[in-house]
Amino acid sequence: MGNKKMGRPTDNPKDISLKVRLDKGTAEKLDACIKELKVSKAEVIRRGIHKVHDDLQKE
């Protein structure tokens, strides 16, 4: 019973879960991004975090 279910092996496991609350306008922007980029909501958010972090490094 204690066996952990195995998925695809990865070099970068995503084992931290995050819950966010968005206003309607922000949610609509997120939806537009996922449709245009054809990626998941989580991927758009990860890319956004990387972009903001990179911008901070430039300052």
C-alpha atoms as a PDB file:
ATOM      1  CA  MET A   1       0.000   0.000   0.000  1.00  0.00           C
ATOM      2  CA  GLY A   2       2.903   2.368   0.635  1.00  0.00           C
ATOM      3  CA  ASN A   3       4.123   2.149  -2.967  1.00  0.00           C
ATOM      4  CA  LYS A   4       4.343   5.529  -4.623  1.00  0.00           C
ATOM      5  CA  LYS A   5       2.823   5.774  -8.102  1.00  0.00           C
ATOM      6  CA  MET A   6       5.508   6.277 -10.734  1.00  0.00           C
ATOM      7  CA  GLY A   7       5.070   8.741 -13.549  1.00  0.00           C
ATOM      8  CA  ARG A   8       7.472   9.798 -16.242  1.00  0.00           C
ATOM      9  CA  PRO A   9      10.965  10.371 -14.861  1.00  0.00           C
ATOM     10  CA  THR A  10      12.073  14.009 -14.924  1.00  0.00           C
ATOM     11  CA  ASP A  11      15.165  16.026 -14.094  1.00  0.00           C
ATOM     12  CA  ASN A  12      12.986  18.819 -12.714  1.00  0.00           C
ATOM     13  CA  PRO A  13      10.114  17.448 -10.611  1.00  0.00           C
ATOM     14  CA  LYS A  14       7.289  19.873  -9.844  1.00  0.00           C
ATOM     15  CA  ASP A  15       6.428  18.800  -6.315  1.00  0.00           C
ATOM     16  CA  ILE A  16       5.356  22.154  -4.858  1.00  0.00           C
ATOM     17  CA  SER A  17       1.694  23.053  -5.220  1.00  0.00           C
ATOM     18  CA  LEU A  18       0.481  26.650  -5.167  1.00  0.00           C
ATOM     19  CA  LYS A  19      -3.019  28.067  -5.040  1.00  0.00           C
ATOM     20  CA  VAL A  20      -3.654  31.598  -6.287  1.00  0.00           C
ATOM     21  CA  ARG A  21      -6.680  33.864  -6.441  1.00  0.00           C
ATOM     22  CA  LEU A  22      -7.142  35.987  -9.551  1.00  0.00           C
ATOM     23  CA  ASP A  23      -9.484  38.774 -10.491  1.00  0.00           C
ATOM     24  CA  LYS A  24     -11.548  38.287 -13.656  1.00  0.00           C
ATOM     25  CA  GLY A  25      -9.300  40.453 -15.848  1.00  0.00           C
ATOM     26  CA  THR A  26      -6.142  38.614 -14.834  1.00  0.00           C
ATOM     27  CA  ALA A  27      -7.833  35.232 -15.361  1.00  0.00           C
ATOM     28  CA  GLU A  28      -8.891  36.322 -18.857  1.00  0.00           C
ATOM     29  CA  LYS A  29      -5.298  37.341 -19.646  1.00  0.00           C
ATOM     30  CA  LEU A  30      -4.079  33.951 -18.393  1.00  0.00           C
ATOM     31  CA  ASP A  31      -6.634  32.170 -20.585  1.00  0.00           C
ATOM     32  CA  ALA A  32      -5.548  34.225 -23.607  1.00  0.00           C
ATOM     33  CA  CYS A  33      -1.925  33.272 -22.942  1.00  0.00           C
ATOM     34  CA  ILE A  34      -2.659  29.543 -22.691  1.00  0.00           C
ATOM     35  CA  LYS A  35      -4.634  29.616 -25.940  1.00  0.00           C
ATOM     36  CA  GLU A  36      -1.964  31.555 -27.831  1.00  0.00           C
ATOM     37  CA  LEU A  37       1.026  29.618 -26.474  1.00  0.00           C
ATOM     38  CA  LYS A  38      -0.758  26.239 -26.297  1.00  0.00           C
ATOM     39  CA  VAL A  39       0.703  25.431 -22.881  1.00  0.00           C
ATOM     40  CA  SER A  40      -0.774  24.813 -19.441  1.00  0.00           C
ATOM     41  CA  LYS A  41      -1.741  27.471 -16.939  1.00  0.00           C
ATOM     42  CA  ALA A  42       1.097  26.290 -14.723  1.00  0.00           C
ATOM     43  CA  GLU A  43       3.600  26.720 -17.566  1.00  0.00           C
ATOM     44  CA  VAL A  44       2.440  30.290 -18.265  1.00  0.00           C
ATOM     45  CA  ILE A  45       2.796  31.108 -14.568  1.00  0.00           C
ATOM     46  CA  ARG A  46       6.270  29.514 -14.405  1.00  0.00           C
ATOM     47  CA  ARG A  47       7.346  31.528 -17.455  1.00  0.00           C
ATOM     48  CA  GLY A  48       5.976  34.689 -15.846  1.00  0.00           C
ATOM     49  CA  ILE A  49       7.942  34.064 -12.660  1.00  0.00           C
ATOM     50  CA  HIS A  50      11.138  33.495 -14.660  1.00  0.00           C
ATOM     51  CA  LYS A  51      10.519  36.676 -16.664  1.00  0.00           C
ATOM     52  CA  VAL A  52       9.966  38.831 -13.584  1.00  0.00           C
ATOM     53  CA  HIS A  53      13.016  37.289 -11.889  1.00  0.00           C
ATOM     54  CA  ASP A  54      15.193  37.924 -14.963  1.00  0.00           C
ATOM     55  CA  ASP A  55      13.966  41.534 -15.071  1.00  0.00           C
ATOM     56  CA  LEU A  56      14.951  41.967 -11.408  1.00  0.00           C
ATOM     57  CA  GLN A  57      18.456  40.700 -12.171  1.00  0.00           C
ATOM     58  CA  LYS A  58      18.835  43.369 -14.895  1.00  0.00           C
ATOM     59  CA  GLU A  59      18.102  46.231 -12.474  1.00  0.00           C
END
